[in-house]
N, C-alpha and C. Protein backbone atom coordinates (compact mmCIF):
# COMPACT_ATOMS: atom_id res chain seq x y z
N UNK A 1 117.94 167.79 3.08
CA UNK A 1 116.63 167.90 3.67
C UNK A 1 116.76 167.62 5.17
N UNK A 2 116.19 168.47 5.97
CA UNK A 2 116.23 168.32 7.42
C UNK A 2 115.01 167.54 7.91
N UNK A 3 115.14 167.01 9.10
CA UNK A 3 114.03 166.29 9.72
C UNK A 3 112.85 167.25 9.86
N UNK A 4 111.69 166.80 9.43
CA UNK A 4 110.48 167.61 9.50
C UNK A 4 110.16 168.33 8.20
N UNK A 5 111.13 168.41 7.29
CA UNK A 5 110.88 169.09 6.02
C UNK A 5 109.82 168.38 5.18
N UNK A 6 109.82 167.06 5.21
CA UNK A 6 108.85 166.30 4.43
C UNK A 6 107.43 166.56 4.93
N UNK A 7 107.26 166.64 6.25
CA UNK A 7 105.94 166.95 6.82
C UNK A 7 105.47 168.31 6.31
N UNK A 8 106.36 169.28 6.31
CA UNK A 8 106.01 170.63 5.85
C UNK A 8 105.70 170.63 4.35
N UNK A 9 106.43 169.83 3.61
CA UNK A 9 106.19 169.74 2.17
C UNK A 9 104.82 169.14 1.88
N UNK A 10 104.48 168.07 2.57
CA UNK A 10 103.16 167.45 2.41
C UNK A 10 102.08 168.47 2.80
N UNK A 11 102.30 169.17 3.90
CA UNK A 11 101.34 170.18 4.34
C UNK A 11 101.15 171.27 3.31
N UNK A 12 102.22 171.71 2.69
CA UNK A 12 102.12 172.74 1.65
C UNK A 12 101.31 172.25 0.46
N UNK A 13 101.49 170.98 0.10
CA UNK A 13 100.72 170.41 -1.00
C UNK A 13 99.23 170.31 -0.64
N UNK A 14 98.95 169.93 0.60
CA UNK A 14 97.56 169.85 1.04
C UNK A 14 96.91 171.24 1.00
N UNK A 15 97.63 172.23 1.49
CA UNK A 15 97.11 173.60 1.51
C UNK A 15 96.88 174.11 0.09
N UNK A 16 97.82 173.85 -0.81
CA UNK A 16 97.68 174.29 -2.20
C UNK A 16 96.45 173.63 -2.85
N UNK A 17 96.28 172.34 -2.60
CA UNK A 17 95.12 171.63 -3.13
C UNK A 17 93.83 172.28 -2.64
N UNK A 18 93.79 172.55 -1.33
CA UNK A 18 92.58 173.16 -0.72
C UNK A 18 92.31 174.53 -1.31
N UNK A 19 93.33 175.36 -1.41
CA UNK A 19 93.16 176.72 -1.92
C UNK A 19 92.77 176.74 -3.39
N UNK A 20 93.33 175.82 -4.18
CA UNK A 20 92.98 175.73 -5.60
C UNK A 20 91.50 175.44 -5.79
N UNK A 21 90.91 174.78 -4.83
CA UNK A 21 89.49 174.42 -4.91
C UNK A 21 88.59 175.37 -4.13
N UNK A 22 89.19 176.40 -3.55
CA UNK A 22 88.42 177.41 -2.83
C UNK A 22 87.73 176.88 -1.59
N UNK A 23 88.35 175.91 -0.94
CA UNK A 23 87.74 175.31 0.25
C UNK A 23 88.29 175.95 1.52
N UNK A 24 87.43 176.09 2.51
CA UNK A 24 87.88 176.53 3.83
C UNK A 24 88.59 175.35 4.49
N UNK A 25 89.35 175.64 5.55
CA UNK A 25 89.99 174.55 6.28
C UNK A 25 88.96 173.60 6.85
N UNK A 26 87.87 174.14 7.32
CA UNK A 26 86.82 173.29 7.90
C UNK A 26 86.19 172.39 6.84
N UNK A 27 85.88 172.94 5.67
CA UNK A 27 85.30 172.15 4.59
C UNK A 27 86.29 171.10 4.10
N UNK A 28 87.56 171.47 4.02
CA UNK A 28 88.59 170.53 3.58
C UNK A 28 88.74 169.40 4.58
N UNK A 29 88.75 169.72 5.87
CA UNK A 29 88.84 168.70 6.91
C UNK A 29 87.67 167.73 6.80
N UNK A 30 86.49 168.25 6.59
CA UNK A 30 85.30 167.39 6.45
C UNK A 30 85.44 166.49 5.22
N UNK A 31 85.92 167.07 4.12
CA UNK A 31 86.15 166.32 2.89
C UNK A 31 87.13 165.17 3.11
N UNK A 32 88.17 165.43 3.91
CA UNK A 32 89.18 164.41 4.18
C UNK A 32 88.75 163.41 5.24
N UNK A 33 87.73 163.77 6.03
CA UNK A 33 87.29 162.90 7.10
C UNK A 33 88.07 163.09 8.39
N UNK A 34 88.67 164.28 8.55
CA UNK A 34 89.46 164.60 9.73
C UNK A 34 88.83 165.74 10.50
N UNK A 35 89.21 165.87 11.78
CA UNK A 35 88.80 167.03 12.56
C UNK A 35 89.55 168.23 12.02
N UNK A 36 88.94 169.40 12.08
CA UNK A 36 89.54 170.60 11.48
C UNK A 36 90.88 170.97 12.09
N UNK A 37 91.05 170.73 13.40
CA UNK A 37 92.34 171.07 14.01
C UNK A 37 93.45 170.12 13.55
N UNK A 38 93.10 168.86 13.32
CA UNK A 38 94.09 167.90 12.82
C UNK A 38 94.46 168.25 11.39
N UNK A 39 93.47 168.56 10.56
CA UNK A 39 93.75 168.92 9.16
C UNK A 39 94.61 170.18 9.11
N UNK A 40 94.34 171.15 9.96
CA UNK A 40 95.14 172.37 10.01
C UNK A 40 96.57 172.08 10.43
N UNK A 41 96.74 171.18 11.39
CA UNK A 41 98.09 170.80 11.84
C UNK A 41 98.84 170.07 10.73
N UNK A 42 98.13 169.27 9.93
CA UNK A 42 98.77 168.62 8.78
C UNK A 42 99.27 169.67 7.79
N UNK A 43 98.43 170.65 7.50
CA UNK A 43 98.80 171.72 6.57
C UNK A 43 100.04 172.48 7.05
N UNK A 44 100.15 172.67 8.34
CA UNK A 44 101.28 173.42 8.89
C UNK A 44 102.52 172.55 9.09
N UNK A 45 102.40 171.27 8.79
CA UNK A 45 103.53 170.36 8.95
C UNK A 45 103.83 170.02 10.39
N UNK A 46 102.83 170.13 11.24
CA UNK A 46 103.00 169.88 12.67
C UNK A 46 102.67 168.44 13.07
N UNK A 47 102.03 167.72 12.19
CA UNK A 47 101.63 166.34 12.50
C UNK A 47 102.35 165.37 11.59
N UNK A 48 102.72 164.24 12.15
CA UNK A 48 103.40 163.19 11.40
C UNK A 48 102.34 162.20 10.93
N UNK A 49 102.08 162.18 9.65
CA UNK A 49 101.06 161.31 9.09
C UNK A 49 101.70 160.00 8.64
N UNK A 50 101.02 158.89 8.87
CA UNK A 50 101.56 157.60 8.46
C UNK A 50 101.49 157.47 6.94
N UNK A 51 102.28 156.58 6.40
CA UNK A 51 102.26 156.35 4.96
C UNK A 51 100.90 155.83 4.51
N UNK A 52 100.30 154.98 5.31
CA UNK A 52 98.98 154.45 4.97
C UNK A 52 97.95 155.58 4.93
N UNK A 53 97.99 156.47 5.91
CA UNK A 53 97.06 157.60 5.94
C UNK A 53 97.31 158.53 4.76
N UNK A 54 98.57 158.70 4.39
CA UNK A 54 98.90 159.54 3.24
C UNK A 54 98.34 158.93 1.96
N UNK A 55 98.43 157.61 1.84
CA UNK A 55 97.85 156.92 0.69
C UNK A 55 96.33 157.11 0.66
N UNK A 56 95.69 157.01 1.80
CA UNK A 56 94.24 157.19 1.89
C UNK A 56 93.84 158.62 1.50
N UNK A 57 94.63 159.61 1.95
CA UNK A 57 94.37 160.99 1.58
C UNK A 57 94.45 161.17 0.07
N UNK A 58 95.50 160.62 -0.52
CA UNK A 58 95.68 160.74 -1.97
C UNK A 58 94.49 160.17 -2.72
N UNK A 59 93.98 159.03 -2.27
CA UNK A 59 92.80 158.42 -2.90
C UNK A 59 91.60 159.35 -2.78
N UNK A 60 91.35 159.87 -1.58
CA UNK A 60 90.22 160.78 -1.37
C UNK A 60 90.33 162.03 -2.24
N UNK A 61 91.57 162.50 -2.40
CA UNK A 61 91.81 163.72 -3.16
C UNK A 61 91.88 163.47 -4.66
N UNK A 62 92.01 162.22 -5.05
CA UNK A 62 92.10 161.89 -6.47
C UNK A 62 93.44 162.25 -7.09
N UNK A 63 94.51 162.14 -6.28
CA UNK A 63 95.86 162.46 -6.76
C UNK A 63 96.77 161.27 -6.45
N UNK A 64 97.93 161.26 -7.10
CA UNK A 64 98.94 160.25 -6.80
C UNK A 64 99.65 160.64 -5.51
N UNK A 65 100.00 159.67 -4.70
CA UNK A 65 100.66 159.95 -3.43
C UNK A 65 101.96 160.72 -3.65
N UNK A 66 102.65 160.47 -4.75
CA UNK A 66 103.90 161.16 -5.03
C UNK A 66 103.69 162.65 -5.25
N UNK A 67 102.48 163.06 -5.67
CA UNK A 67 102.18 164.48 -5.80
C UNK A 67 102.21 165.17 -4.44
N UNK A 68 101.84 164.45 -3.41
CA UNK A 68 101.84 165.02 -2.06
C UNK A 68 103.25 165.04 -1.46
N UNK A 69 104.11 164.14 -1.94
CA UNK A 69 105.47 164.05 -1.42
C UNK A 69 106.46 164.89 -2.21
N UNK A 70 106.18 165.10 -3.50
CA UNK A 70 107.13 165.77 -4.38
C UNK A 70 107.29 167.25 -4.09
N UNK A 71 108.37 167.78 -4.64
CA UNK A 71 108.65 169.23 -4.45
C UNK A 71 107.85 170.07 -5.41
C-alpha cells in the first residue's frame, strides 16, 4: 500500500455509501455536517481526515469505522 492509498480507500467507501442512498454530494455533506467542497475532497481522497473525525463520521453514518477503512 502506498502513501495516500488509505485516504482514497476511505473516500471510495464514503462515495459508495452516498450513491447507495441516492444522495447528492451536497446532501451528503449536509448529512455529515461538512461543507460540500470538503466532503467532495474526502470522497476523492484529497483530504487527510483524523481518526477521531473518521470515528465521528462512522457514528453519523451508522457503520463501523472498519467498514470505512477496509478494502
